[in-house]
Amino acid sequence: MTVAKPQAESKRKVLLYPGEDGYFVVEVPSLPGCISQGKTREEAVANIEEAIALYIEVLQEQGQPIPEDRVEVVLV
């Protein structure tokens, strides 16, 4: 089996928004359930980078495909 290393290292689109508790929440739409938070924007982004790496690592260990980042941003 070939490990999809370029995909694992690629950037992903995330949603970053203020939560009700004053923390910043960040979600990865292309990786269902991959959500984190932080006291600051920078902390939230650092936390989600780690969460993405771990999420992809688990998928690879389980032999699961890594979803592509097919998120499109559209203002309505």
PDB file of N, CA and C in Angstrom:
ATOM      1  N   MET A   1       0.832  -1.186   0.000  1.00  0.00           N
ATOM      2  CA  MET A   1       0.000   0.000   0.000  1.00  0.00           C
ATOM      3  C   MET A   1       0.875   1.247   0.000  1.00  0.00           C
ATOM      4  N   THR A   2       0.518   2.231  -0.808  1.00  0.00           N
ATOM      5  CA  THR A   2       1.251   3.480  -0.895  1.00  0.00           C
ATOM      6  C   THR A   2       0.652   4.493   0.060  1.00  0.00           C
ATOM      7  N   VAL A   3       1.479   5.154   0.831  1.00  0.00           N
ATOM      8  CA  VAL A   3       1.004   6.178   1.755  1.00  0.00           C
ATOM      9  C   VAL A   3       0.889   7.494   0.998  1.00  0.00           C
ATOM     10  N   ALA A   4      -0.242   8.149   1.126  1.00  0.00           N
ATOM     11  CA  ALA A   4      -0.511   9.401   0.403  1.00  0.00           C
ATOM     12  C   ALA A   4       0.122  10.574   1.141  1.00  0.00           C
ATOM     13  N   LYS A   5       1.419  10.628   1.152  1.00  0.00           N
ATOM     14  CA  LYS A   5       2.135  11.664   1.891  1.00  0.00           C
ATOM     15  C   LYS A   5       1.837  13.078   1.405  1.00  0.00           C
ATOM     16  N   PRO A   6       1.830  13.357   0.085  1.00  0.00           N
ATOM     17  CA  PRO A   6       1.534  14.724  -0.330  1.00  0.00           C
ATOM     18  C   PRO A   6       0.177  15.209   0.175  1.00  0.00           C
ATOM     19  N   GLN A   7      -0.832  14.334   0.165  1.00  0.00           N
ATOM     20  CA  GLN A   7      -2.153  14.715   0.672  1.00  0.00           C
ATOM     21  C   GLN A   7      -2.076  15.022   2.161  1.00  0.00           C
ATOM     22  N   ALA A   8      -1.327  14.216   2.888  1.00  0.00           N
ATOM     23  CA  ALA A   8      -1.222  14.395   4.330  1.00  0.00           C
ATOM     24  C   ALA A   8      -0.561  15.721   4.682  1.00  0.00           C
ATOM     25  N   GLU A   9       0.326  16.197   3.805  1.00  0.00           N
ATOM     26  CA  GLU A   9       1.046  17.431   4.085  1.00  0.00           C
ATOM     27  C   GLU A   9       0.367  18.658   3.485  1.00  0.00           C
ATOM     28  N   SER A  10      -0.692  18.452   2.704  1.00  0.00           N
ATOM     29  CA  SER A  10      -1.336  19.582   2.039  1.00  0.00           C
ATOM     30  C   SER A  10      -2.167  20.399   3.021  1.00  0.00           C
ATOM     31  N   LYS A  11      -2.388  21.631   2.664  1.00  0.00           N
ATOM     32  CA  LYS A  11      -3.212  22.516   3.479  1.00  0.00           C
ATOM     33  C   LYS A  11      -4.680  22.185   3.256  1.00  0.00           C
ATOM     34  N   ARG A  12      -5.501  22.460   4.266  1.00  0.00           N
ATOM     35  CA  ARG A  12      -6.937  22.216   4.199  1.00  0.00           C
ATOM     36  C   ARG A  12      -7.683  23.490   4.550  1.00  0.00           C
ATOM     37  N   LYS A  13      -8.829  23.656   3.929  1.00  0.00           N
ATOM     38  CA  LYS A  13      -9.696  24.780   4.276  1.00  0.00           C
ATOM     39  C   LYS A  13     -10.377  24.466   5.605  1.00  0.00           C
ATOM     40  N   VAL A  14     -10.420  25.464   6.472  1.00  0.00           N
ATOM     41  CA  VAL A  14     -11.059  25.297   7.776  1.00  0.00           C
ATOM     42  C   VAL A  14     -12.037  26.436   8.011  1.00  0.00           C
ATOM     43  N   LEU A  15     -12.956  26.189   8.911  1.00  0.00           N
ATOM     44  CA  LEU A  15     -13.871  27.232   9.372  1.00  0.00           C
ATOM     45  C   LEU A  15     -13.360  27.701  10.726  1.00  0.00           C
ATOM     46  N   LEU A  16     -13.183  28.987  10.879  1.00  0.00           N
ATOM     47  CA  LEU A  16     -12.692  29.565  12.128  1.00  0.00           C
ATOM     48  C   LEU A  16     -13.693  30.617  12.567  1.00  0.00           C
ATOM     49  N   TYR A  17     -14.214  30.460  13.777  1.00  0.00           N
ATOM     50  CA  TYR A  17     -15.235  31.407  14.249  1.00  0.00           C
ATOM     51  C   TYR A  17     -15.205  31.483  15.776  1.00  0.00           C
ATOM     52  N   PRO A  18     -15.667  32.607  16.325  1.00  0.00           N
ATOM     53  CA  PRO A  18     -15.695  32.741  17.784  1.00  0.00           C
ATOM     54  C   PRO A  18     -16.805  31.879  18.374  1.00  0.00           C
ATOM     55  N   GLY A  19     -16.469  31.134  19.411  1.00  0.00           N
ATOM     56  CA  GLY A  19     -17.456  30.325  20.111  1.00  0.00           C
ATOM     57  C   GLY A  19     -18.155  31.136  21.176  1.00  0.00           C
ATOM     58  N   GLU A  20     -19.207  30.570  21.720  1.00  0.00           N
ATOM     59  CA  GLU A  20     -19.991  31.271  22.749  1.00  0.00           C
ATOM     60  C   GLU A  20     -19.220  31.462  24.045  1.00  0.00           C
ATOM     61  N   ASP A  21     -18.196  30.629  24.266  1.00  0.00           N
ATOM     62  CA  ASP A  21     -17.432  30.689  25.514  1.00  0.00           C
ATOM     63  C   ASP A  21     -16.221  31.617  25.431  1.00  0.00           C
ATOM     64  N   GLY A  22     -16.092  32.360  24.308  1.00  0.00           N
ATOM     65  CA  GLY A  22     -14.976  33.278  24.156  1.00  0.00           C
ATOM     66  C   GLY A  22     -13.766  32.662  23.472  1.00  0.00           C
ATOM     67  N   TYR A  23     -13.775  31.355  23.272  1.00  0.00           N
ATOM     68  CA  TYR A  23     -12.700  30.684  22.554  1.00  0.00           C
ATOM     69  C   TYR A  23     -12.988  30.728  21.058  1.00  0.00           C
ATOM     70  N   PHE A  24     -11.953  30.516  20.260  1.00  0.00           N
ATOM     71  CA  PHE A  24     -12.129  30.382  18.812  1.00  0.00           C
ATOM     72  C   PHE A  24     -12.299  28.900  18.491  1.00  0.00           C
ATOM     73  N   VAL A  25     -13.286  28.600  17.690  1.00  0.00           N
ATOM     74  CA  VAL A  25     -13.569  27.232  17.267  1.00  0.00           C
ATOM     75  C   VAL A  25     -13.084  27.091  15.834  1.00  0.00           C
ATOM     76  N   VAL A  26     -12.514  25.941  15.522  1.00  0.00           N
ATOM     77  CA  VAL A  26     -12.052  25.699  14.162  1.00  0.00           C
ATOM     78  C   VAL A  26     -12.444  24.277  13.763  1.00  0.00           C
ATOM     79  N   GLU A  27     -13.048  24.162  12.574  1.00  0.00           N
ATOM     80  CA  GLU A  27     -13.523  22.879  12.058  1.00  0.00           C
ATOM     81  C   GLU A  27     -12.919  22.628  10.683  1.00  0.00           C
ATOM     82  N   VAL A  28     -12.765  21.349  10.347  1.00  0.00           N
ATOM     83  CA  VAL A  28     -12.248  20.950   9.042  1.00  0.00           C
ATOM     84  C   VAL A  28     -13.372  20.213   8.305  1.00  0.00           C
ATOM     85  N   PRO A  29     -14.094  20.896   7.424  1.00  0.00           N
ATOM     86  CA  PRO A  29     -15.232  20.261   6.754  1.00  0.00           C
ATOM     87  C   PRO A  29     -14.875  18.999   5.977  1.00  0.00           C
ATOM     88  N   SER A  30     -13.664  18.917   5.430  1.00  0.00           N
ATOM     89  CA  SER A  30     -13.280  17.739   4.643  1.00  0.00           C
ATOM     90  C   SER A  30     -12.901  16.543   5.511  1.00  0.00           C
ATOM     91  N   LEU A  31     -12.761  16.755   6.822  1.00  0.00           N
ATOM     92  CA  LEU A  31     -12.440  15.673   7.753  1.00  0.00           C
ATOM     93  C   LEU A  31     -13.529  15.652   8.837  1.00  0.00           C
ATOM     94  N   PRO A  32     -14.614  14.933   8.611  1.00  0.00           N
ATOM     95  CA  PRO A  32     -15.744  14.940   9.537  1.00  0.00           C
ATOM     96  C   PRO A  32     -15.340  14.670  10.988  1.00  0.00           C
ATOM     97  N   GLY A  33     -15.790  15.549  11.877  1.00  0.00           N
ATOM     98  CA  GLY A  33     -15.494  15.406  13.295  1.00  0.00           C
ATOM     99  C   GLY A  33     -14.172  16.000  13.725  1.00  0.00           C
ATOM    100  N   CYS A  34     -13.404  16.539  12.804  1.00  0.00           N
ATOM    101  CA  CYS A  34     -12.112  17.147  13.139  1.00  0.00           C
ATOM    102  C   CYS A  34     -12.359  18.597  13.530  1.00  0.00           C
ATOM    103  N   ILE A  35     -12.440  18.822  14.844  1.00  0.00           N
ATOM    104  CA  ILE A  35     -12.778  20.133  15.405  1.00  0.00           C
ATOM    105  C   ILE A  35     -11.825  20.411  16.562  1.00  0.00           C
ATOM    106  N   SER A  36     -11.438  21.665  16.716  1.00  0.00           N
ATOM    107  CA  SER A  36     -10.609  22.053  17.848  1.00  0.00           C
ATOM    108  C   SER A  36     -10.973  23.479  18.247  1.00  0.00           C
ATOM    109  N   GLN A  37     -10.249  24.007  19.224  1.00  0.00           N
ATOM    110  CA  GLN A  37     -10.482  25.380  19.653  1.00  0.00           C
ATOM    111  C   GLN A  37      -9.220  25.931  20.296  1.00  0.00           C
ATOM    112  N   GLY A  38      -9.241  27.211  20.586  1.00  0.00           N
ATOM    113  CA  GLY A  38      -8.117  27.854  21.247  1.00  0.00           C
ATOM    114  C   GLY A  38      -8.532  29.193  21.816  1.00  0.00           C
ATOM    115  N   LYS A  39      -7.768  29.687  22.772  1.00  0.00           N
ATOM    116  CA  LYS A  39      -8.068  30.981  23.391  1.00  0.00           C
ATOM    117  C   LYS A  39      -7.880  32.122  22.399  1.00  0.00           C
ATOM    118  N   THR A  40      -6.933  31.949  21.469  1.00  0.00           N
ATOM    119  CA  THR A  40      -6.679  32.953  20.443  1.00  0.00           C
ATOM    120  C   THR A  40      -6.811  32.297  19.070  1.00  0.00           C
ATOM    121  N   ARG A  41      -6.869  33.132  18.027  1.00  0.00           N
ATOM    122  CA  ARG A  41      -6.909  32.590  16.657  1.00  0.00           C
ATOM    123  C   ARG A  41      -5.676  31.728  16.397  1.00  0.00           C
ATOM    124  N   GLU A  42      -4.522  32.229  16.816  1.00  0.00           N
ATOM    125  CA  GLU A  42      -3.269  31.526  16.579  1.00  0.00           C
ATOM    126  C   GLU A  42      -3.252  30.176  17.276  1.00  0.00           C
ATOM    127  N   GLU A  43      -3.719  30.145  18.515  1.00  0.00           N
ATOM    128  CA  GLU A  43      -3.763  28.885  19.265  1.00  0.00           C
ATOM    129  C   GLU A  43      -4.740  27.909  18.612  1.00  0.00           C
ATOM    130  N   ALA A  44      -5.882  28.411  18.172  1.00  0.00           N
ATOM    131  CA  ALA A  44      -6.876  27.555  17.512  1.00  0.00           C
ATOM    132  C   ALA A  44      -6.305  26.948  16.234  1.00  0.00           C
ATOM    133  N   VAL A  45      -5.597  27.755  15.447  1.00  0.00           N
ATOM    134  CA  VAL A  45      -5.008  27.270  14.194  1.00  0.00           C
ATOM    135  C   VAL A  45      -3.918  26.237  14.494  1.00  0.00           C
ATOM    136  N   ALA A  46      -3.082  26.495  15.478  1.00  0.00           N
ATOM    137  CA  ALA A  46      -2.033  25.536  15.846  1.00  0.00           C
ATOM    138  C   ALA A  46      -2.661  24.227  16.310  1.00  0.00           C
ATOM    139  N   ASN A  47      -3.738  24.319  17.085  1.00  0.00           N
ATOM    140  CA  ASN A  47      -4.407  23.116  17.578  1.00  0.00           C
ATOM    141  C   ASN A  47      -5.029  22.309  16.443  1.00  0.00           C
ATOM    142  N   ILE A  48      -5.633  22.986  15.469  1.00  0.00           N
ATOM    143  CA  ILE A  48      -6.262  22.243  14.377  1.00  0.00           C
ATOM    144  C   ILE A  48      -5.210  21.645  13.459  1.00  0.00           C
ATOM    145  N   GLU A  49      -4.060  22.282  13.307  1.00  0.00           N
ATOM    146  CA  GLU A  49      -2.981  21.690  12.505  1.00  0.00           C
ATOM    147  C   GLU A  49      -2.564  20.351  13.107  1.00  0.00           C
ATOM    148  N   GLU A  50      -2.447  20.317  14.424  1.00  0.00           N
ATOM    149  CA  GLU A  50      -2.096  19.075  15.113  1.00  0.00           C
ATOM    150  C   GLU A  50      -3.221  18.043  14.964  1.00  0.00           C
ATOM    151  N   ALA A  51      -4.472  18.500  15.106  1.00  0.00           N
ATOM    152  CA  ALA A  51      -5.615  17.591  14.976  1.00  0.00           C
ATOM    153  C   ALA A  51      -5.689  16.990  13.574  1.00  0.00           C
ATOM    154  N   ILE A  52      -5.419  17.800  12.556  1.00  0.00           N
ATOM    155  CA  ILE A  52      -5.436  17.314  11.171  1.00  0.00           C
ATOM    156  C   ILE A  52      -4.370  16.238  10.991  1.00  0.00           C
ATOM    157  N   ALA A  53      -3.171  16.487  11.477  1.00  0.00           N
ATOM    158  CA  ALA A  53      -2.075  15.525  11.340  1.00  0.00           C
ATOM    159  C   ALA A  53      -2.431  14.207  12.018  1.00  0.00           C
ATOM    160  N   LEU A  54      -2.987  14.279  13.213  1.00  0.00           N
ATOM    161  CA  LEU A  54      -3.361  13.059  13.933  1.00  0.00           C
ATOM    162  C   LEU A  54      -4.512  12.337  13.245  1.00  0.00           C
ATOM    163  N   TYR A  55      -5.491  13.073  12.756  1.00  0.00           N
ATOM    164  CA  TYR A  55      -6.638  12.501  12.051  1.00  0.00           C
ATOM    165  C   TYR A  55      -6.151  11.706  10.839  1.00  0.00           C
ATOM    166  N   ILE A  56      -5.279  12.326  10.044  1.00  0.00           N
ATOM    167  CA  ILE A  56      -4.765  11.679   8.842  1.00  0.00           C
ATOM    168  C   ILE A  56      -3.884  10.479   9.210  1.00  0.00           C
ATOM    169  N   GLU A  57      -3.112  10.601  10.276  1.00  0.00           N
ATOM    170  CA  GLU A  57      -2.269   9.492  10.727  1.00  0.00           C
ATOM    171  C   GLU A  57      -3.127   8.274  11.075  1.00  0.00           C
ATOM    172  N   VAL A  58      -4.231   8.495  11.767  1.00  0.00           N
ATOM    173  CA  VAL A  58      -5.126   7.389  12.137  1.00  0.00           C
ATOM    174  C   VAL A  58      -5.744   6.763  10.893  1.00  0.00           C
ATOM    175  N   LEU A  59      -6.180   7.598   9.946  1.00  0.00           N
ATOM    176  CA  LEU A  59      -6.735   7.056   8.701  1.00  0.00           C
ATOM    177  C   LEU A  59      -5.709   6.169   7.996  1.00  0.00           C
ATOM    178  N   GLN A  60      -4.469   6.629   7.933  1.00  0.00           N
ATOM    179  CA  GLN A  60      -3.409   5.870   7.268  1.00  0.00           C
ATOM    180  C   GLN A  60      -3.150   4.550   7.995  1.00  0.00           C
ATOM    181  N   GLU A  61      -3.111   4.593   9.333  1.00  0.00           N
ATOM    182  CA  GLU A  61      -2.881   3.379  10.115  1.00  0.00           C
ATOM    183  C   GLU A  61      -3.992   2.357   9.894  1.00  0.00           C
ATOM    184  N   GLN A  62      -5.211   2.838   9.690  1.00  0.00           N
ATOM    185  CA  GLN A  62      -6.354   1.949   9.487  1.00  0.00           C
ATOM    186  C   GLN A  62      -6.536   1.568   8.019  1.00  0.00           C
ATOM    187  N   GLY A  63      -5.681   2.073   7.156  1.00  0.00           N
ATOM    188  CA  GLY A  63      -5.780   1.765   5.742  1.00  0.00           C
ATOM    189  C   GLY A  63      -6.967   2.423   5.069  1.00  0.00           C
ATOM    190  N   GLN A  64      -7.460   3.494   5.656  1.00  0.00           N
ATOM    191  CA  GLN A  64      -8.612   4.214   5.120  1.00  0.00           C
ATOM    192  C   GLN A  64      -8.150   5.291   4.141  1.00  0.00           C
ATOM    193  N   PRO A  65      -8.995   5.613   3.164  1.00  0.00           N
ATOM    194  CA  PRO A  65      -8.628   6.694   2.243  1.00  0.00           C
ATOM    195  C   PRO A  65      -8.667   8.049   2.958  1.00  0.00           C
ATOM    196  N   ILE A  66      -7.825   8.946   2.511  1.00  0.00           N
ATOM    197  CA  ILE A  66      -7.805  10.300   3.068  1.00  0.00           C
ATOM    198  C   ILE A  66      -8.691  11.168   2.183  1.00  0.00           C
ATOM    199  N   PRO A  67      -9.764  11.731   2.758  1.00  0.00           N
ATOM    200  CA  PRO A  67     -10.667  12.556   1.947  1.00  0.00           C
ATOM    201  C   PRO A  67      -9.954  13.755   1.341  1.00  0.00           C
ATOM    202  N   GLU A  68     -10.329  14.080   0.119  1.00  0.00           N
ATOM    203  CA  GLU A  68      -9.791  15.273  -0.515  1.00  0.00           C
ATOM    204  C   GLU A  68     -10.453  16.513   0.082  1.00  0.00           C
ATOM    205  N   ASP A  69      -9.774  17.618  -0.004  1.00  0.00           N
ATOM    206  CA  ASP A  69     -10.325  18.884   0.484  1.00  0.00           C
ATOM    207  C   ASP A  69     -11.097  19.534  -0.663  1.00  0.00           C
ATOM    208  N   ARG A  70     -12.374  19.241  -0.739  1.00  0.00           N
ATOM    209  CA  ARG A  70     -13.204  19.730  -1.846  1.00  0.00           C
ATOM    210  C   ARG A  70     -14.146  20.844  -1.382  1.00  0.00           C
ATOM    211  N   VAL A  71     -13.765  21.549  -0.372  1.00  0.00           N
ATOM    212  CA  VAL A  71     -14.593  22.620   0.162  1.00  0.00           C
ATOM    213  C   VAL A  71     -14.543  23.819  -0.772  1.00  0.00           C
ATOM    214  N   GLU A  72     -15.698  24.363  -1.061  1.00  0.00           N
ATOM    215  CA  GLU A  72     -15.803  25.566  -1.889  1.00  0.00           C
ATOM    216  C   GLU A  72     -16.447  26.644  -1.023  1.00  0.00           C
ATOM    217  N   VAL A  73     -15.855  27.802  -0.999  1.00  0.00           N
ATOM    218  CA  VAL A  73     -16.385  28.913  -0.221  1.00  0.00           C
ATOM    219  C   VAL A  73     -17.277  29.745  -1.133  1.00  0.00           C
ATOM    220  N   VAL A  74     -18.540  29.902  -0.736  1.00  0.00           N
ATOM    221  CA  VAL A  74     -19.511  30.655  -1.521  1.00  0.00           C
ATOM    222  C   VAL A  74     -20.249  31.604  -0.561  1.00  0.00           C
ATOM    223  N   LEU A  75     -20.288  32.856  -0.902  1.00  0.00           N
ATOM    224  CA  LEU A  75     -21.053  33.818  -0.103  1.00  0.00           C
ATOM    225  C   LEU A  75     -22.461  33.884  -0.642  1.00  0.00           C
ATOM    226  N   VAL A  76     -23.439  33.808   0.253  1.00  0.00           N
ATOM    227  CA  VAL A  76     -24.844  33.896  -0.172  1.00  0.00           C
ATOM    228  C   VAL A  76     -25.567  34.951   0.622  1.00  0.00           C
TER     229      VAL A  76
END
